[in-house]
Amino acid sequence: MAAQIEPLVTVSDLDFMPEDGSRYEVIEGELFVSKAPGLTHQMASTNLSWVFSSFLKVNPVGVIVATPGLIFDELSGVIPDLVFVSRERFKEIVRNERLIAAPELIIEIVSPGSENQRRDRIAKRQLYGKFGVKEYWLVDLQNRVIEVLVIKDRILVPAATYKEDEEIRTPILPGFVCKASDVFSI
């Protein structure tokens, strides 16, 4: 018996999705639907935005942007929680109010549930590696850790896992320091 092949979803198809408060993303032609993030998720995002914005105000080397549209190609359009784009790359990767190429850093705050885990830990990790994201942070709210992955040969590989009072640093932003606990504080 032959397996049924599902039709591919395109970025253009996202324009026809209902405005129902859900987040619609397409990764390599597969549709992912998630609910609006919960309060704890949003608070972690706000904390990260504040930490990055404070650093970038003193060191204006780029911008941190929350939930931008990121369209890699016709089969892959996603909405990361946060991205950092350097000033040098900003004009080359922004078109029509969307990012169209890999920013230097993407941060995803992993929501509970196996489908969310699969999307962020597998599908997005592979996608971001394929398109050359230099660094990918996975913020795990349940375990209160931040996993940092870095690009090697178009694959994002684990580099470090930070807990509570451990300091996160990144070569993308020399001088940047953030305690993992600052992300999880409420």
Protein backbone atom coordinates (compact mmCIF):
# COMPACT_ATOMS: atom_id res chain seq x y z
CA MET A 1 0.00 0.00 0.00
CA ALA A 2 1.39 3.40 -0.97
CA ALA A 3 1.69 6.16 1.61
CA GLN A 4 -0.48 9.18 1.05
CA ILE A 5 1.57 12.27 0.22
CA GLU A 6 0.31 15.42 1.85
CA PRO A 7 0.35 18.60 -0.25
CA LEU A 8 3.03 21.12 0.67
CA VAL A 9 1.97 24.34 2.36
CA THR A 10 3.64 27.52 1.11
CA VAL A 11 4.36 30.86 2.71
CA SER A 12 1.70 32.33 0.39
CA ASP A 13 -0.86 29.96 1.90
CA LEU A 14 -0.29 31.59 5.29
CA ASP A 15 -2.15 34.68 4.03
CA PHE A 16 -5.34 32.59 3.99
CA MET A 17 -5.12 31.27 7.53
CA PRO A 18 -7.85 32.43 9.92
CA GLU A 19 -7.20 35.33 12.28
CA ASP A 20 -7.98 33.26 15.35
CA GLY A 21 -5.11 34.15 17.67
CA SER A 22 -3.07 31.10 16.64
CA ARG A 23 0.45 31.31 15.30
CA TYR A 24 0.83 29.72 11.85
CA GLU A 25 4.27 28.77 10.57
CA VAL A 26 5.44 26.65 7.65
CA ILE A 27 8.71 24.71 7.79
CA GLU A 28 9.86 22.87 4.67
CA GLY A 29 6.24 22.78 3.49
CA GLU A 30 4.80 21.46 6.76
CA LEU A 31 2.25 23.59 8.59
CA PHE A 32 2.75 24.17 12.32
CA VAL A 33 -0.03 25.77 14.37
CA SER A 34 0.44 26.91 17.95
CA LYS A 35 -1.63 28.83 20.44
CA ALA A 36 -0.70 32.29 21.60
CA PRO A 37 2.16 32.06 24.12
CA GLY A 38 1.30 31.95 27.81
CA LEU A 39 2.15 34.56 30.42
CA THR A 40 5.36 32.90 31.65
CA HIS A 41 6.57 32.63 28.04
CA GLN A 42 5.84 36.31 27.44
CA MET A 43 7.57 37.36 30.66
CA ALA A 44 10.73 35.45 29.69
CA SER A 45 10.59 37.13 26.28
CA THR A 46 10.24 40.55 27.91
CA ASN A 47 13.17 39.82 30.24
CA LEU A 48 15.37 38.79 27.30
CA SER A 49 14.31 41.84 25.29
CA TRP A 50 15.21 44.09 28.20
CA VAL A 51 18.64 42.47 28.73
CA PHE A 52 19.53 42.69 25.03
CA SER A 53 18.08 46.21 24.61
CA SER A 54 20.06 47.47 27.61
CA PHE A 55 23.27 46.06 26.14
CA LEU A 56 22.51 47.39 22.65
CA LYS A 57 21.72 50.87 23.95
CA VAL A 58 25.30 51.14 25.23
CA ASN A 59 26.75 49.06 22.35
CA PRO A 60 24.69 49.97 19.24
CA VAL A 61 25.89 47.10 17.05
CA GLY A 62 22.44 45.87 15.99
CA VAL A 63 18.85 45.34 17.05
CA ILE A 64 16.84 42.77 18.97
CA VAL A 65 13.36 42.19 17.55
CA ALA A 66 10.48 40.23 19.07
CA THR A 67 8.35 37.92 16.90
CA PRO A 68 9.40 39.11 13.45
CA GLY A 69 8.25 37.36 10.31
CA LEU A 70 11.19 35.39 8.90
CA ILE A 71 10.76 34.05 5.37
CA PHE A 72 13.60 31.88 4.11
CA ASP A 73 11.88 30.66 0.95
CA GLU A 74 8.42 29.78 -0.37
CA LEU A 75 8.26 26.64 1.82
CA SER A 76 9.60 28.11 5.06
CA GLY A 77 8.20 31.08 6.95
CA VAL A 78 8.41 31.25 10.74
CA ILE A 79 7.92 33.61 13.67
CA PRO A 80 10.83 33.29 16.11
CA ASP A 81 10.39 34.67 19.62
CA LEU A 82 13.44 36.96 19.37
CA VAL A 83 16.15 37.66 16.81
CA PHE A 84 19.33 39.70 16.87
CA VAL A 85 20.43 41.31 13.61
CA SER A 86 23.65 43.28 13.32
CA ARG A 87 23.66 46.73 11.75
CA GLU A 88 25.88 45.41 8.96
CA ARG A 89 23.37 42.76 7.89
CA PHE A 90 20.13 44.60 8.61
CA LYS A 91 19.63 46.22 5.19
CA GLU A 92 20.64 43.10 3.31
CA ILE A 93 18.20 40.76 5.09
CA VAL A 94 15.09 42.95 5.51
CA ARG A 95 12.52 43.27 2.71
CA ASN A 96 8.88 44.37 2.90
CA GLU A 97 8.84 44.42 6.72
CA ARG A 98 10.11 40.82 6.94
CA LEU A 99 13.45 39.15 7.43
CA ILE A 100 14.39 37.19 4.30
CA ALA A 101 17.66 35.58 5.42
CA ALA A 102 19.27 34.27 8.56
CA PRO A 103 19.86 36.71 11.40
CA GLU A 104 22.94 36.09 13.53
CA LEU A 105 21.01 34.90 16.61
CA ILE A 106 17.55 33.39 17.08
CA ILE A 107 15.95 32.71 20.45
CA GLU A 108 12.98 30.38 20.84
CA ILE A 109 11.16 30.00 24.14
CA VAL A 110 9.98 26.40 24.11
CA SER A 111 6.32 26.01 25.00
CA PRO A 112 5.06 22.88 26.78
CA GLY A 113 3.85 19.95 24.68
CA SER A 114 5.43 17.39 22.40
CA GLU A 115 4.42 19.20 19.20
CA ASN A 116 6.03 22.44 20.40
CA GLN A 117 9.16 20.52 21.42
CA ARG A 118 9.33 18.85 17.99
CA ARG A 119 8.87 22.17 16.18
CA ASP A 120 11.54 24.08 18.15
CA ARG A 121 14.07 21.33 18.90
CA ILE A 122 13.96 19.51 15.57
CA ALA A 123 12.21 21.31 12.71
CA LYS A 124 13.37 24.85 13.51
CA ARG A 125 16.84 23.71 14.54
CA GLN A 126 17.29 21.99 11.17
CA LEU A 127 15.81 24.95 9.29
CA TYR A 128 17.95 27.54 11.07
CA GLY A 129 21.07 25.45 10.51
CA LYS A 130 20.28 24.96 6.83
CA PHE A 131 20.00 28.71 6.29
CA GLY A 132 23.05 29.64 8.37
CA VAL A 133 21.83 31.07 11.68
CA LYS A 134 25.07 31.42 13.66
CA GLU A 135 23.60 30.85 17.12
CA TYR A 136 20.30 29.41 18.35
CA TRP A 137 19.10 29.66 21.96
CA LEU A 138 16.40 27.36 23.31
CA VAL A 139 14.87 28.73 26.49
CA ASP A 140 13.41 25.80 28.43
CA LEU A 141 10.97 27.27 30.95
CA GLN A 142 10.07 23.94 32.54
CA ASN A 143 13.67 23.00 33.37
CA ARG A 144 14.86 26.61 33.79
CA VAL A 145 17.81 26.23 31.43
CA ILE A 146 19.00 27.95 28.29
CA GLU A 147 20.57 25.74 25.67
CA VAL A 148 22.92 27.42 23.19
CA LEU A 149 23.61 25.84 19.83
CA VAL A 150 26.15 27.11 17.30
CA ILE A 151 26.53 26.54 13.58
CA LYS A 152 29.06 24.01 12.28
CA ASP A 153 28.86 22.90 8.66
CA ARG A 154 25.22 24.07 8.35
CA ILE A 155 24.19 22.11 11.44
CA LEU A 156 23.36 23.68 14.80
CA VAL A 157 25.23 21.72 17.45
CA PRO A 158 25.01 22.05 21.24
CA ALA A 159 27.65 24.40 22.67
CA ALA A 160 26.49 24.98 26.26
CA THR A 161 23.58 24.71 28.67
CA TYR A 162 23.13 27.47 31.26
CA LYS A 163 21.33 27.12 34.59
CA GLU A 164 20.16 29.70 37.13
CA ASP A 165 23.08 31.99 38.09
CA GLU A 166 25.40 30.91 35.29
CA GLU A 167 26.42 33.71 32.94
CA ILE A 168 25.64 33.49 29.25
CA ARG A 169 28.10 35.08 26.86
CA THR A 170 28.11 35.05 23.08
CA PRO A 171 30.86 35.76 20.55
CA ILE A 172 28.21 37.43 18.41
CA LEU A 173 28.03 40.27 20.95
CA PRO A 174 31.45 40.77 22.60
CA GLY A 175 30.96 42.04 26.15
CA PHE A 176 27.37 40.78 26.46
CA VAL A 177 26.62 38.97 29.74
CA CYS A 178 23.28 37.68 31.00
CA LYS A 179 22.52 35.43 33.95
CA ALA A 180 20.12 32.64 33.06
CA SER A 181 18.16 33.44 36.23
CA ASP A 182 17.46 36.96 34.86
CA VAL A 183 15.49 35.36 32.03
CA PHE A 184 13.34 33.30 34.39
CA SER A 185 12.70 36.01 37.01
CA ILE A 186 9.09 37.08 37.45
